[in-house]
Amino acid sequence: MTHEDYMLIFGSNVYADQMYTVSYQDRDTGDRTPLFTLENSEDGLILTAEIRDKDSELIAKIDRNEFTQIKENFDVQGEIENEKGLTLTGKENGDVVFNARITEDGYVAVSGTFYAEGKKIFITDRKVEINDTPRQTINGVNVHDTIFIGNNNITITDDGLKF
């Protein structure tokens, strides 16, 4: 892979593909809520996301690495391919709501708290939690520190991750 072909480190596993779409699928309705999309392109890594609060209010909208909308009580700093990455924080308490960055090893790592279908989804490069409960299984199997190739649609469910 060239430098621009970043692999996603997510929930203690690595995913190798040109595009990643991470979404949450509700168990009861089957509805999918997109959380974020990352695309490796000739211009570098491109991020698209809508970040909502626990009341489903839009906090920030990122379209192709640009914040096109942001609530006034939040602040944005950095760029995705810079040292600390692209970070969204609350102005009042300084808490990081969302961060997307390139690690020292050249992986892309996304972390943050997302809300979808009334669920709190917490994501880091080492864990995935729904309502503070770990959901690290992949297709029902505990798999950690593994590389997956060709799995660009990563779906978080109440039972864990699935492809």
C-alpha atoms as a PDB file:
ATOM      1  CA  MET A   1       0.000   0.000   0.000  1.00  0.00           C
ATOM      2  CA  THR A   2       1.149   3.514  -0.690  1.00  0.00           C
ATOM      3  CA  HIS A   3       1.268   6.159   1.998  1.00  0.00           C
ATOM      4  CA  GLU A   4      -2.176   7.427   0.990  1.00  0.00           C
ATOM      5  CA  ASP A   5      -3.766   3.988   1.459  1.00  0.00           C
ATOM      6  CA  TYR A   6      -4.397   4.133   5.181  1.00  0.00           C
ATOM      7  CA  MET A   7      -5.703   1.102   7.015  1.00  0.00           C
ATOM      8  CA  LEU A   8      -8.356   1.603   9.687  1.00  0.00           C
ATOM      9  CA  ILE A   9      -7.565   0.445  13.219  1.00  0.00           C
ATOM     10  CA  PHE A  10     -10.911  -0.075  14.892  1.00  0.00           C
ATOM     11  CA  GLY A  11     -11.927  -2.034  17.988  1.00  0.00           C
ATOM     12  CA  SER A  12      -8.469  -3.673  18.252  1.00  0.00           C
ATOM     13  CA  ASN A  13      -8.547  -4.960  14.659  1.00  0.00           C
ATOM     14  CA  VAL A  14      -7.201  -3.561  11.387  1.00  0.00           C
ATOM     15  CA  TYR A  15      -9.211  -3.173   8.185  1.00  0.00           C
ATOM     16  CA  ALA A  16      -7.542  -2.783   4.787  1.00  0.00           C
ATOM     17  CA  ASP A  17      -9.665  -1.276   2.048  1.00  0.00           C
ATOM     18  CA  GLN A  18     -10.019   1.856  -0.050  1.00  0.00           C
ATOM     19  CA  MET A  19     -13.207   2.979   1.660  1.00  0.00           C
ATOM     20  CA  TYR A  20     -14.752   2.326   5.048  1.00  0.00           C
ATOM     21  CA  THR A  21     -18.354   2.903   6.015  1.00  0.00           C
ATOM     22  CA  VAL A  22     -19.102   2.390   9.696  1.00  0.00           C
ATOM     23  CA  SER A  23     -22.765   2.275  10.702  1.00  0.00           C
ATOM     24  CA  TYR A  24     -25.018   1.125  13.516  1.00  0.00           C
ATOM     25  CA  GLN A  25     -27.874  -1.306  12.828  1.00  0.00           C
ATOM     26  CA  ASP A  26     -30.819  -1.346  15.198  1.00  0.00           C
ATOM     27  CA  ARG A  27     -31.766  -4.847  16.333  1.00  0.00           C
ATOM     28  CA  ASP A  28     -35.521  -4.211  16.378  1.00  0.00           C
ATOM     29  CA  THR A  29     -36.039  -2.209  13.195  1.00  0.00           C
ATOM     30  CA  GLY A  30     -33.048  -3.301  11.115  1.00  0.00           C
ATOM     31  CA  ASP A  31     -32.471   0.376  10.264  1.00  0.00           C
ATOM     32  CA  ARG A  32     -28.867   1.441   9.671  1.00  0.00           C
ATOM     33  CA  THR A  33     -27.502   4.769  10.845  1.00  0.00           C
ATOM     34  CA  PRO A  34     -24.218   5.816   9.195  1.00  0.00           C
ATOM     35  CA  LEU A  35     -21.647   6.989  11.759  1.00  0.00           C
ATOM     36  CA  PHE A  36     -18.740   7.891   9.491  1.00  0.00           C
ATOM     37  CA  THR A  37     -17.137   7.157   6.140  1.00  0.00           C
ATOM     38  CA  LEU A  38     -13.429   7.237   5.348  1.00  0.00           C
ATOM     39  CA  GLU A  39     -12.088   7.118   1.819  1.00  0.00           C
ATOM     40  CA  ASN A  40      -8.522   6.696   0.624  1.00  0.00           C
ATOM     41  CA  SER A  41      -8.108   8.913  -2.420  1.00  0.00           C
ATOM     42  CA  GLU A  42      -5.369  10.464  -4.503  1.00  0.00           C
ATOM     43  CA  ASP A  43      -5.882  13.605  -2.416  1.00  0.00           C
ATOM     44  CA  GLY A  44      -5.359  11.732   0.876  1.00  0.00           C
ATOM     45  CA  LEU A  45      -7.806  10.517   3.476  1.00  0.00           C
ATOM     46  CA  ILE A  46     -11.361  11.895   3.205  1.00  0.00           C
ATOM     47  CA  LEU A  47     -13.777  11.827   6.159  1.00  0.00           C
ATOM     48  CA  THR A  48     -17.551  12.306   6.105  1.00  0.00           C
ATOM     49  CA  ALA A  49     -19.627  12.149   9.303  1.00  0.00           C
ATOM     50  CA  GLU A  50     -22.632  13.471  11.174  1.00  0.00           C
ATOM     51  CA  ILE A  51     -22.133  13.657  14.913  1.00  0.00           C
ATOM     52  CA  ARG A  52     -25.233  13.873  17.090  1.00  0.00           C
ATOM     53  CA  ASP A  53     -25.867  14.263  20.807  1.00  0.00           C
ATOM     54  CA  LYS A  54     -27.972  11.973  23.016  1.00  0.00           C
ATOM     55  CA  ASP A  55     -31.126  13.853  21.944  1.00  0.00           C
ATOM     56  CA  SER A  56     -30.360  13.214  18.249  1.00  0.00           C
ATOM     57  CA  GLU A  57     -29.529  16.897  17.728  1.00  0.00           C
ATOM     58  CA  LEU A  58     -26.825  17.488  15.115  1.00  0.00           C
ATOM     59  CA  ILE A  59     -23.598  18.649  16.787  1.00  0.00           C
ATOM     60  CA  ALA A  60     -21.382  18.709  13.726  1.00  0.00           C
ATOM     61  CA  LYS A  61     -21.392  17.690  10.099  1.00  0.00           C
ATOM     62  CA  ILE A  62     -18.170  16.855   8.278  1.00  0.00           C
ATOM     63  CA  ASP A  63     -18.244  16.655   4.486  1.00  0.00           C
ATOM     64  CA  ARG A  64     -14.995  15.663   2.782  1.00  0.00           C
ATOM     65  CA  ASN A  65     -12.832  16.784   5.752  1.00  0.00           C
ATOM     66  CA  GLU A  66     -14.611  20.131   6.047  1.00  0.00           C
ATOM     67  CA  PHE A  67     -16.938  21.036   8.877  1.00  0.00           C
ATOM     68  CA  THR A  68     -20.003  22.320   7.061  1.00  0.00           C
ATOM     69  CA  GLN A  69     -22.023  22.698  10.236  1.00  0.00           C
ATOM     70  CA  ILE A  70     -21.090  22.929  13.910  1.00  0.00           C
ATOM     71  CA  LYS A  71     -23.085  23.871  17.007  1.00  0.00           C
ATOM     72  CA  GLU A  72     -21.880  27.033  18.701  1.00  0.00           C
ATOM     73  CA  ASN A  73     -20.921  25.326  21.982  1.00  0.00           C
ATOM     74  CA  PHE A  74     -18.384  23.047  20.246  1.00  0.00           C
ATOM     75  CA  ASP A  75     -14.943  23.733  18.835  1.00  0.00           C
ATOM     76  CA  VAL A  76     -12.891  22.145  16.051  1.00  0.00           C
ATOM     77  CA  GLN A  77      -9.117  21.942  15.789  1.00  0.00           C
ATOM     78  CA  GLY A  78      -6.559  20.375  13.477  1.00  0.00           C
ATOM     79  CA  GLU A  79      -6.663  18.352  10.307  1.00  0.00           C
ATOM     80  CA  ILE A  80      -7.078  14.628   9.870  1.00  0.00           C
ATOM     81  CA  GLU A  81      -3.558  14.031   8.529  1.00  0.00           C
ATOM     82  CA  ASN A  82      -1.790  16.244  11.075  1.00  0.00           C
ATOM     83  CA  GLU A  83      -0.206  15.061  14.334  1.00  0.00           C
ATOM     84  CA  LYS A  84      -3.225  15.259  16.658  1.00  0.00           C
ATOM     85  CA  GLY A  85      -5.776  14.842  13.896  1.00  0.00           C
ATOM     86  CA  LEU A  86      -9.168  16.459  13.506  1.00  0.00           C
ATOM     87  CA  THR A  87     -10.749  16.987  16.924  1.00  0.00           C
ATOM     88  CA  LEU A  88     -14.221  18.130  17.988  1.00  0.00           C
ATOM     89  CA  THR A  89     -14.473  19.229  21.629  1.00  0.00           C
ATOM     90  CA  GLY A  90     -17.104  20.753  23.878  1.00  0.00           C
ATOM     91  CA  LYS A  91     -16.260  24.384  24.665  1.00  0.00           C
ATOM     92  CA  GLU A  92     -17.758  24.193  28.136  1.00  0.00           C
ATOM     93  CA  ASN A  93     -15.827  21.207  29.495  1.00  0.00           C
ATOM     94  CA  GLY A  94     -13.138  20.542  26.878  1.00  0.00           C
ATOM     95  CA  ASP A  95     -14.260  16.906  26.484  1.00  0.00           C
ATOM     96  CA  VAL A  96     -13.289  15.315  23.175  1.00  0.00           C
ATOM     97  CA  VAL A  97     -16.430  14.246  21.336  1.00  0.00           C
ATOM     98  CA  PHE A  98     -14.725  13.050  18.155  1.00  0.00           C
ATOM     99  CA  ASN A  99     -11.174  12.573  16.849  1.00  0.00           C
ATOM    100  CA  ALA A 100      -9.841  11.197  13.579  1.00  0.00           C
ATOM    101  CA  ARG A 101      -6.083  10.964  13.188  1.00  0.00           C
ATOM    102  CA  ILE A 102      -3.220   9.103  11.590  1.00  0.00           C
ATOM    103  CA  THR A 103      -1.225   7.069  14.121  1.00  0.00           C
ATOM    104  CA  GLU A 104       2.572   6.912  14.287  1.00  0.00           C
ATOM    105  CA  ASP A 105       2.325   3.520  12.563  1.00  0.00           C
ATOM    106  CA  GLY A 106       0.406   5.017   9.635  1.00  0.00           C
ATOM    107  CA  TYR A 107      -3.067   3.724  10.505  1.00  0.00           C
ATOM    108  CA  VAL A 108      -6.180   5.862  10.691  1.00  0.00           C
ATOM    109  CA  ALA A 109      -7.804   5.821  14.122  1.00  0.00           C
ATOM    110  CA  VAL A 110     -11.271   7.203  14.813  1.00  0.00           C
ATOM    111  CA  SER A 111     -12.587   7.694  18.312  1.00  0.00           C
ATOM    112  CA  GLY A 112     -15.662   9.333  19.678  1.00  0.00           C
ATOM    113  CA  THR A 113     -19.113   9.060  21.119  1.00  0.00           C
ATOM    114  CA  PHE A 114     -21.943   8.635  18.642  1.00  0.00           C
ATOM    115  CA  TYR A 115     -25.666   8.413  19.281  1.00  0.00           C
ATOM    116  CA  ALA A 116     -27.944   6.407  17.014  1.00  0.00           C
ATOM    117  CA  GLU A 117     -31.406   4.929  17.555  1.00  0.00           C
ATOM    118  CA  GLY A 118     -31.302   5.950  21.233  1.00  0.00           C
ATOM    119  CA  LYS A 119     -28.001   4.131  21.819  1.00  0.00           C
ATOM    120  CA  LYS A 120     -24.693   5.580  22.984  1.00  0.00           C
ATOM    121  CA  ILE A 121     -21.921   4.143  20.811  1.00  0.00           C
ATOM    122  CA  PHE A 122     -18.378   4.703  22.059  1.00  0.00           C
ATOM    123  CA  ILE A 123     -15.590   3.879  19.609  1.00  0.00           C
ATOM    124  CA  THR A 124     -11.804   3.879  19.920  1.00  0.00           C
ATOM    125  CA  ASP A 125      -9.040   2.075  18.095  1.00  0.00           C
ATOM    126  CA  ARG A 126      -9.091  -0.521  20.920  1.00  0.00           C
ATOM    127  CA  LYS A 127     -12.776  -0.916  21.800  1.00  0.00           C
ATOM    128  CA  VAL A 128     -16.386  -0.581  20.730  1.00  0.00           C
ATOM    129  CA  GLU A 129     -19.121  -0.139  23.348  1.00  0.00           C
ATOM    130  CA  ILE A 130     -22.887   0.279  23.164  1.00  0.00           C
ATOM    131  CA  ASN A 131     -24.436   1.844  26.256  1.00  0.00           C
ATOM    132  CA  ASP A 132     -21.147   1.202  28.113  1.00  0.00           C
ATOM    133  CA  THR A 133     -21.179  -2.535  27.264  1.00  0.00           C
ATOM    134  CA  PRO A 134     -18.301  -3.967  25.171  1.00  0.00           C
ATOM    135  CA  ARG A 135     -19.329  -5.181  21.701  1.00  0.00           C
ATOM    136  CA  GLN A 136     -16.066  -6.477  20.308  1.00  0.00           C
ATOM    137  CA  THR A 137     -17.142  -9.766  18.724  1.00  0.00           C
ATOM    138  CA  ILE A 138     -17.059 -10.005  14.950  1.00  0.00           C
ATOM    139  CA  ASN A 139     -19.785 -12.115  13.366  1.00  0.00           C
ATOM    140  CA  GLY A 140     -20.279 -13.693  16.806  1.00  0.00           C
ATOM    141  CA  VAL A 141     -16.606 -14.616  17.338  1.00  0.00           C
ATOM    142  CA  ASN A 142     -14.124 -12.957  19.695  1.00  0.00           C
ATOM    143  CA  VAL A 143     -11.422 -11.766  17.318  1.00  0.00           C
ATOM    144  CA  HIS A 144      -8.724  -9.287  18.323  1.00  0.00           C
ATOM    145  CA  ASP A 145      -5.553  -7.941  16.710  1.00  0.00           C
ATOM    146  CA  THR A 146      -6.519  -9.351  13.322  1.00  0.00           C
ATOM    147  CA  ILE A 147      -6.298  -7.817   9.840  1.00  0.00           C
ATOM    148  CA  PHE A 148      -9.409  -7.955   7.635  1.00  0.00           C
ATOM    149  CA  ILE A 149      -9.140  -7.217   3.917  1.00  0.00           C
ATOM    150  CA  GLY A 150     -12.078  -6.295   1.704  1.00  0.00           C
ATOM    151  CA  ASN A 151     -14.564  -5.535   4.483  1.00  0.00           C
ATOM    152  CA  ASN A 152     -15.433  -1.933   3.781  1.00  0.00           C
ATOM    153  CA  ASN A 153     -18.911  -2.001   5.363  1.00  0.00           C
ATOM    154  CA  ILE A 154     -18.449  -2.341   9.108  1.00  0.00           C
ATOM    155  CA  THR A 155     -21.738  -2.581  10.970  1.00  0.00           C
ATOM    156  CA  ILE A 156     -22.029  -2.220  14.728  1.00  0.00           C
ATOM    157  CA  THR A 157     -24.967  -4.127  16.198  1.00  0.00           C
ATOM    158  CA  ASP A 158     -26.145  -4.840  19.728  1.00  0.00           C
ATOM    159  CA  ASP A 159     -24.492  -8.245  19.340  1.00  0.00           C
ATOM    160  CA  GLY A 160     -21.124  -6.946  18.083  1.00  0.00           C
ATOM    161  CA  LEU A 161     -19.586  -6.114  14.717  1.00  0.00           C
ATOM    162  CA  LYS A 162     -20.636  -7.735  11.482  1.00  0.00           C
ATOM    163  CA  PHE A 163     -19.729  -7.561   7.822  1.00  0.00           C
END
